[in-house]
PDB file of N, CA and C in Angstrom:
ATOM      1  N   SER A   1      -0.010 -31.156  25.433  1.00  0.00           N
ATOM      2  CA  SER A   1      -0.107 -31.105  23.988  1.00  0.00           C
ATOM      3  C   SER A   1      -1.041 -29.970  23.546  1.00  0.00           C
ATOM      4  N   ASN A   2      -2.207 -29.864  24.248  1.00  0.00           N
ATOM      5  CA  ASN A   2      -3.144 -28.799  23.904  1.00  0.00           C
ATOM      6  C   ASN A   2      -2.542 -27.415  24.134  1.00  0.00           C
ATOM      7  N   ALA A   3      -1.782 -27.284  25.223  1.00  0.00           N
ATOM      8  CA  ALA A   3      -1.147 -26.000  25.517  1.00  0.00           C
ATOM      9  C   ALA A   3      -0.137 -25.656  24.431  1.00  0.00           C
ATOM     10  N   ARG A   4       0.604 -26.667  23.962  1.00  0.00           N
ATOM     11  CA  ARG A   4       1.594 -26.429  22.912  1.00  0.00           C
ATOM     12  C   ARG A   4       0.902 -26.042  21.604  1.00  0.00           C
ATOM     13  N   ASN A   5      -0.180 -26.721  21.253  1.00  0.00           N
ATOM     14  CA  ASN A   5      -0.929 -26.383  20.047  1.00  0.00           C
ATOM     15  C   ASN A   5      -1.518 -24.991  20.140  1.00  0.00           C
ATOM     16  N   SER A   6      -1.995 -24.645  21.324  1.00  0.00           N
ATOM     17  CA  SER A   6      -2.567 -23.317  21.530  1.00  0.00           C
ATOM     18  C   SER A   6      -1.502 -22.241  21.342  1.00  0.00           C
ATOM     19  N   ARG A   7      -0.314 -22.465  21.934  1.00  0.00           N
ATOM     20  CA  ARG A   7       0.785 -21.495  21.770  1.00  0.00           C
ATOM     21  C   ARG A   7       1.212 -21.414  20.317  1.00  0.00           C
ATOM     22  N   SER A   8       1.257 -22.563  19.659  1.00  0.00           N
ATOM     23  CA  SER A   8       1.661 -22.606  18.255  1.00  0.00           C
ATOM     24  C   SER A   8       0.673 -21.835  17.381  1.00  0.00           C
ATOM     25  N   LYS A   9      -0.624 -22.030  17.622  1.00  0.00           N
ATOM     26  CA  LYS A   9      -1.646 -21.315  16.851  1.00  0.00           C
ATOM     27  C   LYS A   9      -1.609 -19.827  17.117  1.00  0.00           C
ATOM     28  N   SER A  10      -1.401 -19.426  18.369  1.00  0.00           N
ATOM     29  CA  SER A  10      -1.370 -18.002  18.672  1.00  0.00           C
ATOM     30  C   SER A  10      -0.141 -17.345  18.058  1.00  0.00           C
ATOM     31  N   SER A  11       0.994 -18.018  18.014  1.00  0.00           N
ATOM     32  CA  SER A  11       2.178 -17.416  17.391  1.00  0.00           C
ATOM     33  C   SER A  11       2.002 -17.332  15.882  1.00  0.00           C
ATOM     34  N   VAL A  12       1.351 -18.325  15.280  1.00  0.00           N
ATOM     35  CA  VAL A  12       1.068 -18.266  13.842  1.00  0.00           C
ATOM     36  C   VAL A  12       0.100 -17.128  13.555  1.00  0.00           C
ATOM     37  N   ASN A  13      -0.924 -16.988  14.371  1.00  0.00           N
ATOM     38  CA  ASN A  13      -1.876 -15.889  14.176  1.00  0.00           C
ATOM     39  C   ASN A  13      -1.210 -14.533  14.329  1.00  0.00           C
ATOM     40  N   ALA A  14      -0.279 -14.412  15.247  1.00  0.00           N
ATOM     41  CA  ALA A  14       0.422 -13.139  15.441  1.00  0.00           C
ATOM     42  C   ALA A  14       1.257 -12.790  14.224  1.00  0.00           C
ATOM     43  N   VAL A  15       1.866 -13.789  13.615  1.00  0.00           N
ATOM     44  CA  VAL A  15       2.678 -13.541  12.427  1.00  0.00           C
ATOM     45  C   VAL A  15       1.792 -13.202  11.238  1.00  0.00           C
ATOM     46  N   LEU A  16       0.658 -13.872  11.117  1.00  0.00           N
ATOM     47  CA  LEU A  16      -0.224 -13.655   9.978  1.00  0.00           C
ATOM     48  C   LEU A  16      -1.151 -12.466  10.156  1.00  0.00           C
ATOM     49  N   LYS A  17      -1.166 -11.875  11.327  1.00  0.00           N
ATOM     50  CA  LYS A  17      -2.052 -10.749  11.601  1.00  0.00           C
ATOM     51  C   LYS A  17      -1.627  -9.552  10.745  1.00  0.00           C
ATOM     52  N   PRO A  18      -2.588  -8.887  10.088  1.00  0.00           N
ATOM     53  CA  PRO A  18      -2.223  -7.713   9.294  1.00  0.00           C
ATOM     54  C   PRO A  18      -1.528  -6.665  10.150  1.00  0.00           C
ATOM     55  N   ALA A  19      -0.653  -5.893   9.526  1.00  0.00           N
ATOM     56  CA  ALA A  19       0.158  -4.905  10.256  1.00  0.00           C
ATOM     57  C   ALA A  19      -0.700  -3.902  11.002  1.00  0.00           C
ATOM     58  N   GLU A  20      -1.833  -3.505  10.409  1.00  0.00           N
ATOM     59  CA  GLU A  20      -2.645  -2.487  11.066  1.00  0.00           C
ATOM     60  C   GLU A  20      -3.259  -2.969  12.373  1.00  0.00           C
ATOM     61  N   GLU A  21      -3.356  -4.287  12.565  1.00  0.00           N
ATOM     62  CA  GLU A  21      -3.884  -4.805  13.817  1.00  0.00           C
ATOM     63  C   GLU A  21      -2.855  -4.742  14.936  1.00  0.00           C
ATOM     64  N   HIS A  22      -1.622  -4.444  14.620  1.00  0.00           N
ATOM     65  CA  HIS A  22      -0.595  -4.322  15.653  1.00  0.00           C
ATOM     66  C   HIS A  22      -0.776  -3.046  16.466  1.00  0.00           C
ATOM     67  N   PHE A  23      -1.470  -2.074  15.895  1.00  0.00           N
ATOM     68  CA  PHE A  23      -1.726  -0.841  16.624  1.00  0.00           C
ATOM     69  C   PHE A  23      -2.874  -1.083  17.585  1.00  0.00           C
ATOM     70  N   ASP A  24      -2.787  -0.510  18.765  1.00  0.00           N
ATOM     71  CA  ASP A  24      -3.844  -0.710  19.743  1.00  0.00           C
ATOM     72  C   ASP A  24      -5.027   0.213  19.443  1.00  0.00           C
ATOM     73  N   SER A  25      -6.036   0.168  20.281  1.00  0.00           N
ATOM     74  CA  SER A  25      -7.248   0.959  20.044  1.00  0.00           C
ATOM     75  C   SER A  25      -7.169   2.337  20.704  1.00  0.00           C
ATOM     76  N   SER A  26      -5.989   2.755  21.120  1.00  0.00           N
ATOM     77  CA  SER A  26      -5.821   4.091  21.698  1.00  0.00           C
ATOM     78  C   SER A  26      -5.987   5.137  20.596  1.00  0.00           C
ATOM     79  N   PRO A  27      -6.145   6.392  20.969  1.00  0.00           N
ATOM     80  CA  PRO A  27      -6.248   7.433  19.941  1.00  0.00           C
ATOM     81  C   PRO A  27      -5.047   7.436  18.989  1.00  0.00           C
ATOM     82  N   LEU A  28      -3.842   7.197  19.515  1.00  0.00           N
ATOM     83  CA  LEU A  28      -2.662   7.143  18.664  1.00  0.00           C
ATOM     84  C   LEU A  28      -2.734   5.948  17.715  1.00  0.00           C
ATOM     85  N   GLY A  29      -3.187   4.817  18.229  1.00  0.00           N
ATOM     86  CA  GLY A  29      -3.348   3.631  17.392  1.00  0.00           C
ATOM     87  C   GLY A  29      -4.364   3.842  16.291  1.00  0.00           C
ATOM     88  N   ARG A  30      -5.482   4.484  16.623  1.00  0.00           N
ATOM     89  CA  ARG A  30      -6.501   4.777  15.608  1.00  0.00           C
ATOM     90  C   ARG A  30      -5.963   5.758  14.572  1.00  0.00           C
ATOM     91  N   PHE A  31      -5.169   6.732  15.015  1.00  0.00           N
ATOM     92  CA  PHE A  31      -4.557   7.682  14.082  1.00  0.00           C
ATOM     93  C   PHE A  31      -3.604   6.955  13.135  1.00  0.00           C
ATOM     94  N   MET A  32      -2.829   6.016  13.689  1.00  0.00           N
ATOM     95  CA  MET A  32      -1.875   5.278  12.855  1.00  0.00           C
ATOM     96  C   MET A  32      -2.604   4.413  11.828  1.00  0.00           C
ATOM     97  N   ASN A  33      -3.734   3.828  12.221  1.00  0.00           N
ATOM     98  CA  ASN A  33      -4.507   2.994  11.305  1.00  0.00           C
ATOM     99  C   ASN A  33      -5.250   3.800  10.261  1.00  0.00           C
ATOM    100  N   GLY A  34      -5.651   5.006  10.587  1.00  0.00           N
ATOM    101  CA  GLY A  34      -6.490   5.786   9.685  1.00  0.00           C
ATOM    102  C   GLY A  34      -5.720   6.811   8.886  1.00  0.00           C
ATOM    103  N   PRO A  35      -5.728   8.055   9.351  1.00  0.00           N
ATOM    104  CA  PRO A  35      -5.138   9.147   8.574  1.00  0.00           C
ATOM    105  C   PRO A  35      -3.648   8.954   8.264  1.00  0.00           C
ATOM    106  N   PHE A  36      -2.896   8.422   9.207  1.00  0.00           N
ATOM    107  CA  PHE A  36      -1.460   8.260   8.991  1.00  0.00           C
ATOM    108  C   PHE A  36      -1.189   7.310   7.829  1.00  0.00           C
ATOM    109  N   GLU A  37      -1.887   6.183   7.788  1.00  0.00           N
ATOM    110  CA  GLU A  37      -1.708   5.217   6.708  1.00  0.00           C
ATOM    111  C   GLU A  37      -2.127   5.815   5.372  1.00  0.00           C
ATOM    112  N   LYS A  38      -3.235   6.557   5.365  1.00  0.00           N
ATOM    113  CA  LYS A  38      -3.720   7.152   4.113  1.00  0.00           C
ATOM    114  C   LYS A  38      -2.757   8.210   3.591  1.00  0.00           C
ATOM    115  N   VAL A  39      -2.274   9.066   4.481  1.00  0.00           N
ATOM    116  CA  VAL A  39      -1.332  10.106   4.069  1.00  0.00           C
ATOM    117  C   VAL A  39      -0.032   9.464   3.590  1.00  0.00           C
ATOM    118  N   SER A  40       0.449   8.459   4.287  1.00  0.00           N
ATOM    119  CA  SER A  40       1.675   7.770   3.877  1.00  0.00           C
ATOM    120  C   SER A  40       1.513   7.137   2.499  1.00  0.00           C
ATOM    121  N   SER A  41       0.386   6.510   2.266  1.00  0.00           N
ATOM    122  CA  SER A  41       0.130   5.897   0.958  1.00  0.00           C
ATOM    123  C   SER A  41       0.074   6.947  -0.139  1.00  0.00           C
ATOM    124  N   LEU A  42      -0.572   8.055   0.136  1.00  0.00           N
ATOM    125  CA  LEU A  42      -0.662   9.131  -0.847  1.00  0.00           C
ATOM    126  C   LEU A  42       0.717   9.702  -1.162  1.00  0.00           C
ATOM    127  N   VAL A  43       1.538   9.896  -0.144  1.00  0.00           N
ATOM    128  CA  VAL A  43       2.885  10.434  -0.367  1.00  0.00           C
ATOM    129  C   VAL A  43       3.720   9.438  -1.169  1.00  0.00           C
ATOM    130  N   ILE A  44       3.556   8.149  -0.942  1.00  0.00           N
ATOM    131  CA  ILE A  44       4.277   7.145  -1.734  1.00  0.00           C
ATOM    132  C   ILE A  44       3.859   7.251  -3.196  1.00  0.00           C
ATOM    133  N   LEU A  45       2.568   7.376  -3.455  1.00  0.00           N
ATOM    134  CA  LEU A  45       2.103   7.521  -4.842  1.00  0.00           C
ATOM    135  C   LEU A  45       2.634   8.802  -5.472  1.00  0.00           C
ATOM    136  N   LEU A  46       2.631   9.895  -4.726  1.00  0.00           N
ATOM    137  CA  LEU A  46       3.177  11.146  -5.245  1.00  0.00           C
ATOM    138  C   LEU A  46       4.670  11.007  -5.532  1.00  0.00           C
ATOM    139  N   ASN A  47       5.366  10.273  -4.704  1.00  0.00           N
ATOM    140  CA  ASN A  47       6.787  10.047  -4.926  1.00  0.00           C
ATOM    141  C   ASN A  47       7.026   9.260  -6.213  1.00  0.00           C
ATOM    142  N   VAL A  48       6.174   8.291  -6.499  1.00  0.00           N
ATOM    143  CA  VAL A  48       6.288   7.520  -7.739  1.00  0.00           C
ATOM    144  C   VAL A  48       6.126   8.452  -8.941  1.00  0.00           C
ATOM    145  N   VAL A  49       5.124   9.317  -8.890  1.00  0.00           N
ATOM    146  CA  VAL A  49       4.901  10.269  -9.980  1.00  0.00           C
ATOM    147  C   VAL A  49       6.100  11.217 -10.102  1.00  0.00           C
ATOM    148  N   PHE A  50       6.616  11.668  -8.975  1.00  0.00           N
ATOM    149  CA  PHE A  50       7.769  12.562  -8.980  1.00  0.00           C
ATOM    150  C   PHE A  50       8.996  11.885  -9.582  1.00  0.00           C
ATOM    151  N   VAL A  51       9.250  10.634  -9.217  1.00  0.00           N
ATOM    152  CA  VAL A  51      10.399   9.910  -9.763  1.00  0.00           C
ATOM    153  C   VAL A  51      10.247   9.761 -11.278  1.00  0.00           C
ATOM    154  N   PHE A  52       9.036   9.491 -11.742  1.00  0.00           N
ATOM    155  CA  PHE A  52       8.780   9.416 -13.181  1.00  0.00           C
ATOM    156  C   PHE A  52       9.133  10.748 -13.849  1.00  0.00           C
ATOM    157  N   PHE A  53       8.646  11.849 -13.290  1.00  0.00           N
ATOM    158  CA  PHE A  53       8.946  13.169 -13.843  1.00  0.00           C
ATOM    159  C   PHE A  53      10.451  13.442 -13.817  1.00  0.00           C
ATOM    160  N   GLN A  54      11.083  13.100 -12.708  1.00  0.00           N
ATOM    161  CA  GLN A  54      12.523  13.329 -12.559  1.00  0.00           C
ATOM    162  C   GLN A  54      13.321  12.576 -13.628  1.00  0.00           C
ATOM    163  N   LEU A  55      12.980  11.325 -13.856  1.00  0.00           N
ATOM    164  CA  LEU A  55      13.677  10.539 -14.871  1.00  0.00           C
ATOM    165  C   LEU A  55      13.423  11.077 -16.274  1.00  0.00           C
ATOM    166  N   GLN A  56      12.188  11.485 -16.551  1.00  0.00           N
ATOM    167  CA  GLN A  56      11.883  12.076 -17.856  1.00  0.00           C
ATOM    168  C   GLN A  56      12.688  13.354 -18.074  1.00  0.00           C
ATOM    169  N   TYR A  57      12.734  14.181 -17.047  1.00  0.00           N
ATOM    170  CA  TYR A  57      13.464  15.444 -17.138  1.00  0.00           C
ATOM    171  C   TYR A  57      14.962  15.198 -17.345  1.00  0.00           C
ATOM    172  N   GLN A  58      15.538  14.256 -16.593  1.00  0.00           N
ATOM    173  CA  GLN A  58      16.958  13.957 -16.738  1.00  0.00           C
ATOM    174  C   GLN A  58      17.273  13.405 -18.131  1.00  0.00           C
ATOM    175  N   GLY A  59      16.409  12.539 -18.632  1.00  0.00           N
ATOM    176  CA  GLY A  59      16.603  11.997 -19.979  1.00  0.00           C
ATOM    177  C   GLY A  59      16.513  13.081 -21.039  1.00  0.00           C
ATOM    178  N   TYR A  60      15.546  13.971 -20.881  1.00  0.00           N
ATOM    179  CA  TYR A  60      15.386  15.069 -21.832  1.00  0.00           C
ATOM    180  C   TYR A  60      16.588  16.004 -21.755  1.00  0.00           C
ATOM    181  N   SER A  61      17.082  16.280 -20.537  1.00  0.00           N
ATOM    182  CA  SER A  61      18.258  17.132 -20.358  1.00  0.00           C
ATOM    183  C   SER A  61      19.484  16.522 -21.026  1.00  0.00           C
ATOM    184  N   ARG A  62      19.644  15.205 -20.903  1.00  0.00           N
ATOM    185  CA  ARG A  62      20.772  14.533 -21.549  1.00  0.00           C
ATOM    186  C   ARG A  62      20.648  14.641 -23.064  1.00  0.00           C
ATOM    187  N   GLY A  63      19.422  14.520 -23.545  1.00  0.00           N
ATOM    188  CA  GLY A  63      19.200  14.667 -24.988  1.00  0.00           C
ATOM    189  C   GLY A  63      19.584  16.047 -25.489  1.00  0.00           C
ATOM    190  N   VAL A  64      19.253  17.075 -24.736  1.00  0.00           N
ATOM    191  CA  VAL A  64      19.637  18.445 -25.090  1.00  0.00           C
ATOM    192  C   VAL A  64      21.153  18.574 -25.016  1.00  0.00           C
ATOM    193  N   GLY A  65      21.754  17.960 -23.986  1.00  0.00           N
ATOM    194  CA  GLY A  65      23.203  18.049 -23.801  1.00  0.00           C
ATOM    195  C   GLY A  65      24.004  17.436 -24.930  1.00  0.00           C
ATOM    196  N   ILE A  66      23.514  16.340 -25.508  1.00  0.00           N
ATOM    197  CA  ILE A  66      24.266  15.683 -26.584  1.00  0.00           C
ATOM    198  C   ILE A  66      23.799  16.126 -27.969  1.00  0.00           C
ATOM    199  N   GLY A  67      22.846  17.043 -28.008  1.00  0.00           N
ATOM    200  CA  GLY A  67      22.422  17.600 -29.287  1.00  0.00           C
ATOM    201  C   GLY A  67      21.291  16.864 -29.978  1.00  0.00           C
ATOM    202  N   VAL A  68      20.730  15.857 -29.346  1.00  0.00           N
ATOM    203  CA  VAL A  68      19.595  15.134 -29.937  1.00  0.00           C
ATOM    204  C   VAL A  68      18.353  16.017 -29.928  1.00  0.00           C
ATOM    205  N   ARG A  69      18.208  16.808 -28.881  1.00  0.00           N
ATOM    206  CA  ARG A  69      17.110  17.758 -28.740  1.00  0.00           C
ATOM    207  C   ARG A  69      17.679  19.167 -28.840  1.00  0.00           C
ATOM    208  N   THR A  70      16.905  20.033 -29.454  1.00  0.00           N
ATOM    209  CA  THR A  70      17.349  21.425 -29.546  1.00  0.00           C
ATOM    210  C   THR A  70      16.430  22.369 -28.790  1.00  0.00           C
ATOM    211  N   ASP A  71      15.367  21.837 -28.212  1.00  0.00           N
ATOM    212  CA  ASP A  71      14.414  22.663 -27.468  1.00  0.00           C
ATOM    213  C   ASP A  71      15.109  23.250 -26.247  1.00  0.00           C
ATOM    214  N   ASP A  72      14.669  24.442 -25.879  1.00  0.00           N
ATOM    215  CA  ASP A  72      15.193  25.037 -24.649  1.00  0.00           C
ATOM    216  C   ASP A  72      14.385  24.484 -23.482  1.00  0.00           C
ATOM    217  N   LEU A  73      15.066  23.965 -22.494  1.00  0.00           N
ATOM    218  CA  LEU A  73      14.419  23.310 -21.368  1.00  0.00           C
ATOM    219  C   LEU A  73      14.605  24.153 -20.112  1.00  0.00           C
ATOM    220  N   PRO A  74      13.515  24.451 -19.398  1.00  0.00           N
ATOM    221  CA  PRO A  74      13.675  25.206 -18.142  1.00  0.00           C
ATOM    222  C   PRO A  74      14.509  24.418 -17.140  1.00  0.00           C
ATOM    223  N   ASP A  75      15.202  25.133 -16.285  1.00  0.00           N
ATOM    224  CA  ASP A  75      16.056  24.485 -15.290  1.00  0.00           C
ATOM    225  C   ASP A  75      15.234  24.156 -14.038  1.00  0.00           C
ATOM    226  N   PHE A  76      14.954  22.863 -13.865  1.00  0.00           N
ATOM    227  CA  PHE A  76      14.196  22.384 -12.709  1.00  0.00           C
ATOM    228  C   PHE A  76      15.088  21.700 -11.680  1.00  0.00           C
ATOM    229  N   ASN A  77      16.394  21.724 -11.871  1.00  0.00           N
ATOM    230  CA  ASN A  77      17.289  20.978 -10.981  1.00  0.00           C
ATOM    231  C   ASN A  77      17.139  21.383  -9.520  1.00  0.00           C
ATOM    232  N   GLY A  78      17.035  22.680  -9.235  1.00  0.00           N
ATOM    233  CA  GLY A  78      16.873  23.132  -7.850  1.00  0.00           C
ATOM    234  C   GLY A  78      15.565  22.652  -7.248  1.00  0.00           C
ATOM    235  N   ALA A  79      14.487  22.744  -8.030  1.00  0.00           N
ATOM    236  CA  ALA A  79      13.173  22.294  -7.549  1.00  0.00           C
ATOM    237  C   ALA A  79      13.164  20.780  -7.340  1.00  0.00           C
ATOM    238  N   ILE A  80      13.786  20.047  -8.245  1.00  0.00           N
ATOM    239  CA  ILE A  80      13.836  18.587  -8.123  1.00  0.00           C
ATOM    240  C   ILE A  80      14.593  18.190  -6.859  1.00  0.00           C
ATOM    241  N   THR A  81      15.709  18.852  -6.618  1.00  0.00           N
ATOM    242  CA  THR A  81      16.496  18.549  -5.414  1.00  0.00           C
ATOM    243  C   THR A  81      15.697  18.855  -4.153  1.00  0.00           C
ATOM    244  N   LEU A  82      15.023  19.996  -4.120  1.00  0.00           N
ATOM    245  CA  LEU A  82      14.221  20.373  -2.955  1.00  0.00           C
ATOM    246  C   LEU A  82      13.091  19.375  -2.706  1.00  0.00           C
ATOM    247  N   ILE A  83      12.371  19.011  -3.747  1.00  0.00           N
ATOM    248  CA  ILE A  83      11.256  18.070  -3.602  1.00  0.00           C
ATOM    249  C   ILE A  83      11.777  16.709  -3.145  1.00  0.00           C
ATOM    250  N   ASP A  84      12.919  16.295  -3.683  1.00  0.00           N
ATOM    251  CA  ASP A  84      13.522  15.030  -3.272  1.00  0.00           C
ATOM    252  C   ASP A  84      13.884  15.053  -1.788  1.00  0.00           C
ATOM    253  N   ILE A  85      14.442  16.156  -1.319  1.00  0.00           N
ATOM    254  CA  ILE A  85      14.778  16.294   0.104  1.00  0.00           C
ATOM    255  C   ILE A  85      13.515  16.247   0.960  1.00  0.00           C
ATOM    256  N   LEU A  86      12.439  16.901   0.517  1.00  0.00           N
ATOM    257  CA  LEU A  86      11.183  16.894   1.277  1.00  0.00           C
ATOM    258  C   LEU A  86      10.602  15.483   1.381  1.00  0.00           C
ATOM    259  N   PHE A  87      10.655  14.724   0.284  1.00  0.00           N
ATOM    260  CA  PHE A  87      10.190  13.334   0.337  1.00  0.00           C
ATOM    261  C   PHE A  87      11.039  12.533   1.323  1.00  0.00           C
ATOM    262  N   ASN A  88      12.348  12.716   1.284  1.00  0.00           N
ATOM    263  CA  ASN A  88      13.224  11.979   2.199  1.00  0.00           C
ATOM    264  C   ASN A  88      12.949  12.335   3.652  1.00  0.00           C
ATOM    265  N   ILE A  89      12.706  13.607   3.929  1.00  0.00           N
ATOM    266  CA  ILE A  89      12.373  14.025   5.299  1.00  0.00           C
ATOM    267  C   ILE A  89      11.069  13.367   5.745  1.00  0.00           C
ATOM    268  N   PHE A  90      10.058  13.381   4.864  1.00  0.00           N
ATOM    269  CA  PHE A  90       8.776  12.759   5.223  1.00  0.00           C
ATOM    270  C   PHE A  90       8.959  11.278   5.524  1.00  0.00           C
ATOM    271  N   PHE A  91       9.693  10.562   4.656  1.00  0.00           N
ATOM    272  CA  PHE A  91       9.864   9.122   4.861  1.00  0.00           C
ATOM    273  C   PHE A  91      10.683   8.822   6.113  1.00  0.00           C
ATOM    274  N   ALA A  92      11.650   9.664   6.429  1.00  0.00           N
ATOM    275  CA  ALA A  92      12.420   9.479   7.674  1.00  0.00           C
ATOM    276  C   ALA A  92      11.513   9.686   8.887  1.00  0.00           C
ATOM    277  N   LEU A  93      10.674  10.727   8.845  1.00  0.00           N
ATOM    278  CA  LEU A  93       9.737  10.969   9.946  1.00  0.00           C
ATOM    279  C   LEU A  93       8.714   9.849  10.072  1.00  0.00           C
ATOM    280  N   GLU A  94       8.277   9.317   8.940  1.00  0.00           N
ATOM    281  CA  GLU A  94       7.336   8.195   8.968  1.00  0.00           C
ATOM    282  C   GLU A  94       7.985   6.990   9.657  1.00  0.00           C
ATOM    283  N   LEU A  95       9.231   6.706   9.306  1.00  0.00           N
ATOM    284  CA  LEU A  95       9.934   5.579   9.918  1.00  0.00           C
ATOM    285  C   LEU A  95      10.098   5.780  11.415  1.00  0.00           C
ATOM    286  N   VAL A  96      10.497   6.980  11.825  1.00  0.00           N
ATOM    287  CA  VAL A  96      10.671   7.265  13.252  1.00  0.00           C
ATOM    288  C   VAL A  96       9.338   7.132  13.986  1.00  0.00           C
ATOM    289  N   THR A  97       8.268   7.607  13.375  1.00  0.00           N
ATOM    290  CA  THR A  97       6.938   7.509  13.993  1.00  0.00           C
ATOM    291  C   THR A  97       6.538   6.053  14.166  1.00  0.00           C
ATOM    292  N   ARG A  98       6.713   5.261  13.115  1.00  0.00           N
ATOM    293  CA  ARG A  98       6.351   3.844  13.200  1.00  0.00           C
ATOM    294  C   ARG A  98       7.200   3.122  14.261  1.00  0.00           C
ATOM    295  N   LEU A  99       8.491   3.426  14.281  1.00  0.00           N
ATOM    296  CA  LEU A  99       9.356   2.790  15.277  1.00  0.00           C
ATOM    297  C   LEU A  99       8.973   3.191  16.692  1.00  0.00           C
ATOM    298  N   SER A 100       8.593   4.450  16.891  1.00  0.00           N
ATOM    299  CA  SER A 100       8.243   4.890  18.239  1.00  0.00           C
ATOM    300  C   SER A 100       6.914   4.310  18.699  1.00  0.00           C
ATOM    301  N   VAL A 101       6.009   4.064  17.776  1.00  0.00           N
ATOM    302  CA  VAL A 101       4.703   3.508  18.159  1.00  0.00           C
ATOM    303  C   VAL A 101       4.777   1.986  18.270  1.00  0.00           C
ATOM    304  N   LEU A 102       5.391   1.338  17.293  1.00  0.00           N
ATOM    305  CA  LEU A 102       5.408  -0.120  17.273  1.00  0.00           C
ATOM    306  C   LEU A 102       6.539  -0.737  18.087  1.00  0.00           C
ATOM    307  N   ARG A 103       7.608  -0.013  18.266  1.00  0.00           N
ATOM    308  CA  ARG A 103       8.793  -0.505  18.980  1.00  0.00           C
ATOM    309  C   ARG A 103       9.271  -1.827  18.390  1.00  0.00           C
ATOM    310  N   CYS A 104       9.391  -2.849  19.190  1.00  0.00           N
ATOM    311  CA  CYS A 104       9.913  -4.143  18.708  1.00  0.00           C
ATOM    312  C   CYS A 104       8.966  -4.832  17.730  1.00  0.00           C
ATOM    313  N   GLN A 105       7.685  -4.527  17.804  1.00  0.00           N
ATOM    314  CA  GLN A 105       6.741  -5.146  16.876  1.00  0.00           C
ATOM    315  C   GLN A 105       7.012  -4.725  15.434  1.00  0.00           C
ATOM    316  N   PHE A 106       7.713  -3.628  15.244  1.00  0.00           N
ATOM    317  CA  PHE A 106       8.083  -3.196  13.901  1.00  0.00           C
ATOM    318  C   PHE A 106       8.959  -4.254  13.244  1.00  0.00           C
ATOM    319  N   PHE A 107       9.847  -4.878  14.026  1.00  0.00           N
ATOM    320  CA  PHE A 107      10.761  -5.888  13.510  1.00  0.00           C
ATOM    321  C   PHE A 107      10.269  -7.302  13.716  1.00  0.00           C
ATOM    322  N   PHE A 108       9.596  -7.536  14.851  1.00  0.00           N
ATOM    323  CA  PHE A 108       9.139  -8.876  15.206  1.00  0.00           C
ATOM    324  C   PHE A 108       7.653  -8.841  15.522  1.00  0.00           C
ATOM    325  N   PRO A 109       6.798  -9.025  14.515  1.00  0.00           N
ATOM    326  CA  PRO A 109       5.348  -8.930  14.759  1.00  0.00           C
ATOM    327  C   PRO A 109       4.832  -9.976  15.714  1.00  0.00           C
TER     328      PRO A 109
END
């Protein structure tokens, strides 16, 4: 009974353990816990700001297109597409990095 309770508690603790504790204390693990997490968080915040700008720009462009706005609007479509591709590349690389470091723990903590 004690062995079963012990296994049960350890599996519950493993599930409730914060994600950053899944990384080991190796240099790669410390990098994943520190700079990698901070840079990833910053890029997510920048992406939120970018999506806000993108939606504002698209709405303003539609307004100009239907005649609600008469202001001349610079063409940012190429820059928006490029920045969007760069964000997607970063997020794909982040996913590959996490999968390569965490392996099965990424899906089953």
